[in-house]
Amino acid sequence: MVRAGQLLHKARTKKKLTLEDIEEDTKIKAVFLAAIEKGDYSQLPPAYAQGFVKNYAEYLGLASGQVLALFRREFDEKNAYKVLPDALTKTEEFAFNRVRIQQSILVIAILLIGLFGYLLFQYRSAFLPPSLSISSPKRGSVVSKDFVVKGRADSNATVSVNNEPVSMSDSGEFSKQLTLFSGKATLVIRAQNRFGKEAVVKREVIVK
């Protein structure tokens, strides 16, 4: 495909003219004339580019309309190729920014979940009853008149067996010795935290 710059360069060299010769006659700077011949239109002042090409073509005796048609097509192609990377760059920047925003939101969400989990763990006793488990005696066990109730509860809870307070170890383990009359008996073990939440376990045993 013939380029406008090629036509101009061929016509100039055929006439054995230098860029400086044409600059002197047309008052178009030689650097602009060289840019036109090379097709490097980015070096031209946008407002004067078409006028430079027209005057250059007419000076060399070429059909300015034909040269201008080639110039406009090349100029539009260059602009199109220039816009495309810019558009792609903007798209990439937008995608990168969107990923950064999504990552920031994810980090904030994780931090909030962690904070909520920590607060729930610290203040779970305000919403949940304390843990309470009895290891001895088992349900329906036959026990002697003097026997021991053993179990485990939250270490910060207050435990009682048949309304009698029980002391606990730091790990939450407790034991309470009881003396009951022969026959069926019901043991009521309670654990209450400082927020008033209570857990109750009842055990029926047979005292011999």
Protein backbone atom coordinates (compact mmCIF):
# COMPACT_ATOMS: atom_id res chain seq x y z
CA MET A 1 0.00 0.00 0.00
CA VAL A 2 1.40 3.35 -1.05
CA ARG A 3 1.78 5.88 1.73
CA ALA A 4 1.47 9.64 1.48
CA GLY A 5 4.98 10.05 2.83
CA GLN A 6 6.36 7.69 0.20
CA LEU A 7 4.81 9.73 -2.63
CA LEU A 8 6.18 12.95 -1.18
CA HIS A 9 9.64 11.51 -0.57
CA LYS A 10 9.82 10.06 -4.08
CA ALA A 11 8.74 13.34 -5.65
CA ARG A 12 11.24 15.35 -3.60
CA THR A 13 14.21 13.11 -4.37
CA LYS A 14 13.24 13.06 -8.05
CA LYS A 15 13.47 16.85 -8.06
CA LYS A 16 16.74 16.60 -6.09
CA LEU A 17 15.45 18.86 -3.36
CA THR A 18 16.52 18.76 0.26
CA LEU A 19 14.17 19.22 3.21
CA GLU A 20 15.98 22.46 3.94
CA ASP A 21 15.25 23.72 0.42
CA ILE A 22 11.55 23.08 0.85
CA GLU A 23 11.57 24.56 4.34
CA GLU A 24 12.97 27.79 2.93
CA ASP A 25 10.29 27.99 0.21
CA THR A 26 7.24 26.75 2.14
CA LYS A 27 8.21 27.93 5.61
CA ILE A 28 7.35 24.43 6.90
CA LYS A 29 10.07 23.26 9.27
CA ALA A 30 12.27 20.49 7.94
CA VAL A 31 11.55 18.37 11.02
CA PHE A 32 7.83 18.44 10.15
CA LEU A 33 8.55 17.59 6.52
CA ALA A 34 10.67 14.61 7.63
CA ALA A 35 7.90 13.48 9.96
CA ILE A 36 5.38 13.60 7.08
CA GLU A 37 7.64 11.53 4.84
CA LYS A 38 8.16 8.96 7.61
CA GLY A 39 4.45 8.88 8.44
CA ASP A 40 5.24 9.93 12.00
CA TYR A 41 2.26 12.24 12.29
CA SER A 42 2.51 12.43 16.07
CA GLN A 43 5.34 14.93 15.55
CA LEU A 44 3.05 17.36 13.72
CA PRO A 45 0.96 20.11 15.32
CA PRO A 46 -2.56 18.58 15.08
CA ALA A 47 -4.18 21.83 13.95
CA TYR A 48 -1.71 22.29 11.05
CA ALA A 49 -0.95 18.70 10.02
CA GLN A 50 -3.38 18.57 7.10
CA GLY A 51 -2.32 22.02 5.85
CA PHE A 52 1.34 21.01 5.92
CA VAL A 53 0.64 17.89 3.85
CA LYS A 54 -1.49 19.85 1.33
CA ASN A 55 1.15 22.58 0.86
CA TYR A 56 3.94 20.05 0.62
CA ALA A 57 2.10 18.06 -2.05
CA GLU A 58 1.25 21.17 -4.06
CA TYR A 59 4.83 22.43 -3.83
CA LEU A 60 6.07 19.16 -5.34
CA GLY A 61 3.42 19.29 -8.07
CA LEU A 62 1.43 16.31 -6.77
CA ALA A 63 -2.37 16.03 -6.69
CA SER A 64 -3.02 17.34 -3.20
CA GLY A 65 -6.43 15.64 -3.04
CA GLN A 66 -4.92 12.19 -3.57
CA VAL A 67 -2.12 12.78 -1.07
CA LEU A 68 -4.55 14.18 1.49
CA ALA A 69 -6.81 11.14 1.09
CA LEU A 70 -3.88 8.86 1.83
CA PHE A 71 -2.84 11.07 4.73
CA ARG A 72 -6.31 11.07 6.30
CA ARG A 73 -6.54 7.29 6.09
CA GLU A 74 -3.11 6.83 7.66
CA PHE A 75 -3.79 9.49 10.26
CA ASP A 76 -7.08 7.82 11.27
CA GLU A 77 -5.38 4.42 11.44
CA LYS A 78 -2.67 5.74 13.73
CA ASN A 79 -5.26 7.37 15.97
CA ALA A 80 -7.23 4.11 16.07
CA TYR A 81 -4.17 2.12 17.06
CA LYS A 82 -3.30 4.74 19.63
CA VAL A 83 -6.74 4.71 21.20
CA LEU A 84 -6.88 0.93 21.42
CA PRO A 85 -3.95 0.51 23.86
CA ASP A 86 -5.26 3.43 25.93
CA ALA A 87 -8.64 1.75 26.15
CA LEU A 88 -7.05 -1.52 27.06
CA THR A 89 -4.91 0.20 29.64
CA LYS A 90 -7.92 1.85 31.19
CA THR A 91 -9.74 -1.49 31.23
CA GLU A 92 -6.76 -3.15 32.90
CA GLU A 93 -6.52 -0.33 35.43
CA PHE A 94 -10.25 -0.62 36.13
CA ALA A 95 -9.96 -4.39 36.57
CA PHE A 96 -6.91 -3.96 38.83
CA ASN A 97 -8.70 -1.34 40.94
CA ARG A 98 -11.76 -3.56 41.17
CA VAL A 99 -9.63 -6.48 42.38
CA ARG A 100 -8.00 -4.22 44.98
CA ILE A 101 -11.42 -3.07 46.19
CA GLN A 102 -12.65 -6.66 46.39
CA GLN A 103 -9.54 -7.67 48.33
CA SER A 104 -10.01 -4.74 50.72
CA ILE A 105 -13.64 -5.69 51.29
CA LEU A 106 -12.61 -9.32 51.90
CA VAL A 107 -9.95 -8.29 54.42
CA ILE A 108 -12.40 -6.00 56.24
CA ALA A 109 -15.03 -8.77 56.30
CA ILE A 110 -12.50 -11.25 57.75
CA LEU A 111 -11.45 -8.73 60.40
CA LEU A 112 -15.07 -8.03 61.34
CA ILE A 113 -15.87 -11.75 61.55
CA GLY A 114 -12.78 -12.28 63.69
CA LEU A 115 -13.73 -9.40 65.97
CA PHE A 116 -17.31 -10.63 66.26
CA GLY A 117 -16.08 -14.15 67.02
CA TYR A 118 -13.70 -12.82 69.69
CA LEU A 119 -16.44 -10.77 71.35
CA LEU A 120 -18.84 -13.70 71.19
CA PHE A 121 -16.24 -15.95 72.78
CA GLN A 122 -15.48 -13.42 75.51
CA TYR A 123 -19.12 -12.68 76.31
CA ARG A 124 -20.71 -16.01 75.41
CA SER A 125 -21.66 -16.47 79.07
CA ALA A 126 -24.03 -13.50 78.72
CA PHE A 127 -26.05 -15.44 76.15
CA LEU A 128 -25.38 -19.11 76.91
CA PRO A 129 -25.72 -21.16 80.09
CA PRO A 130 -22.48 -22.53 81.56
CA SER A 131 -21.33 -26.00 80.63
CA LEU A 132 -22.11 -28.71 83.18
CA SER A 133 -21.42 -32.45 83.10
CA ILE A 134 -21.67 -35.10 85.84
CA SER A 135 -19.26 -38.01 85.76
CA SER A 136 -20.42 -39.70 88.98
CA PRO A 137 -22.84 -41.09 89.98
CA LYS A 138 -24.43 -42.35 86.76
CA ARG A 139 -28.17 -42.16 86.26
CA GLY A 140 -29.97 -44.93 88.23
CA SER A 141 -26.79 -45.89 90.12
CA VAL A 142 -26.96 -47.70 93.48
CA VAL A 143 -24.86 -45.77 95.99
CA SER A 144 -24.03 -46.03 99.64
CA LYS A 145 -25.32 -43.51 102.16
CA ASP A 146 -22.06 -41.63 101.91
CA PHE A 147 -21.02 -41.02 98.32
CA VAL A 148 -19.33 -38.39 96.19
CA VAL A 149 -20.78 -36.38 93.31
CA LYS A 150 -18.16 -35.53 90.67
CA GLY A 151 -18.35 -33.39 87.59
CA ARG A 152 -17.08 -30.46 85.58
CA ALA A 153 -18.43 -26.96 84.85
CA ASP A 154 -17.22 -23.59 83.58
CA SER A 155 -14.52 -22.42 85.94
CA ASN A 156 -16.21 -19.03 86.38
CA ALA A 157 -19.58 -20.57 87.34
CA THR A 158 -21.01 -21.19 90.80
CA VAL A 159 -21.97 -24.83 91.39
CA SER A 160 -24.28 -26.34 93.97
CA VAL A 161 -25.51 -29.88 94.68
CA ASN A 162 -28.92 -30.07 96.34
CA ASN A 163 -28.54 -26.35 97.11
CA GLU A 164 -25.22 -26.91 98.89
CA PRO A 165 -22.31 -24.87 97.41
CA VAL A 166 -19.44 -26.75 95.86
CA SER A 167 -15.84 -25.61 95.45
CA MET A 168 -14.12 -26.06 92.08
CA SER A 169 -10.59 -26.35 90.80
CA ASP A 170 -9.14 -23.90 88.30
CA SER A 171 -9.94 -26.37 85.54
CA GLY A 172 -13.63 -26.44 86.54
CA GLU A 173 -13.64 -29.89 88.14
CA PHE A 174 -15.63 -30.33 91.36
CA SER A 175 -16.62 -33.01 93.85
CA LYS A 176 -19.11 -32.99 96.69
CA GLN A 177 -19.58 -35.65 99.37
CA LEU A 178 -23.20 -36.30 100.35
CA THR A 179 -24.91 -38.34 103.02
CA LEU A 180 -28.47 -39.44 102.23
CA PHE A 181 -31.08 -41.75 103.69
CA SER A 182 -31.82 -45.10 102.09
CA GLY A 183 -34.24 -45.20 99.20
CA LYS A 184 -34.66 -43.28 95.97
CA ALA A 185 -33.06 -39.86 95.87
CA THR A 186 -32.85 -37.08 93.33
CA LEU A 187 -29.68 -35.10 92.96
CA VAL A 188 -30.01 -31.56 91.60
CA ILE A 189 -26.75 -30.07 90.39
CA ARG A 190 -26.80 -26.43 89.28
CA ALA A 191 -24.20 -24.25 87.62
CA GLN A 192 -24.84 -20.50 87.34
CA ASN A 193 -22.65 -17.86 85.73
CA ARG A 194 -22.33 -14.20 86.69
CA PHE A 195 -24.98 -13.21 84.16
CA GLY A 196 -27.57 -15.42 85.82
CA LYS A 197 -27.55 -18.06 83.09
CA GLU A 198 -28.08 -21.48 84.65
CA ALA A 199 -27.54 -25.13 83.71
CA VAL A 200 -29.26 -27.88 85.72
CA VAL A 201 -28.63 -31.62 85.74
CA LYS A 202 -30.85 -34.01 87.71
CA ARG A 203 -29.75 -37.52 88.66
CA GLU A 204 -31.92 -40.17 90.30
CA VAL A 205 -30.01 -42.69 92.37
CA ILE A 206 -30.86 -45.48 94.80
CA VAL A 207 -29.30 -45.19 98.26
CA LYS A 208 -28.84 -48.54 99.99
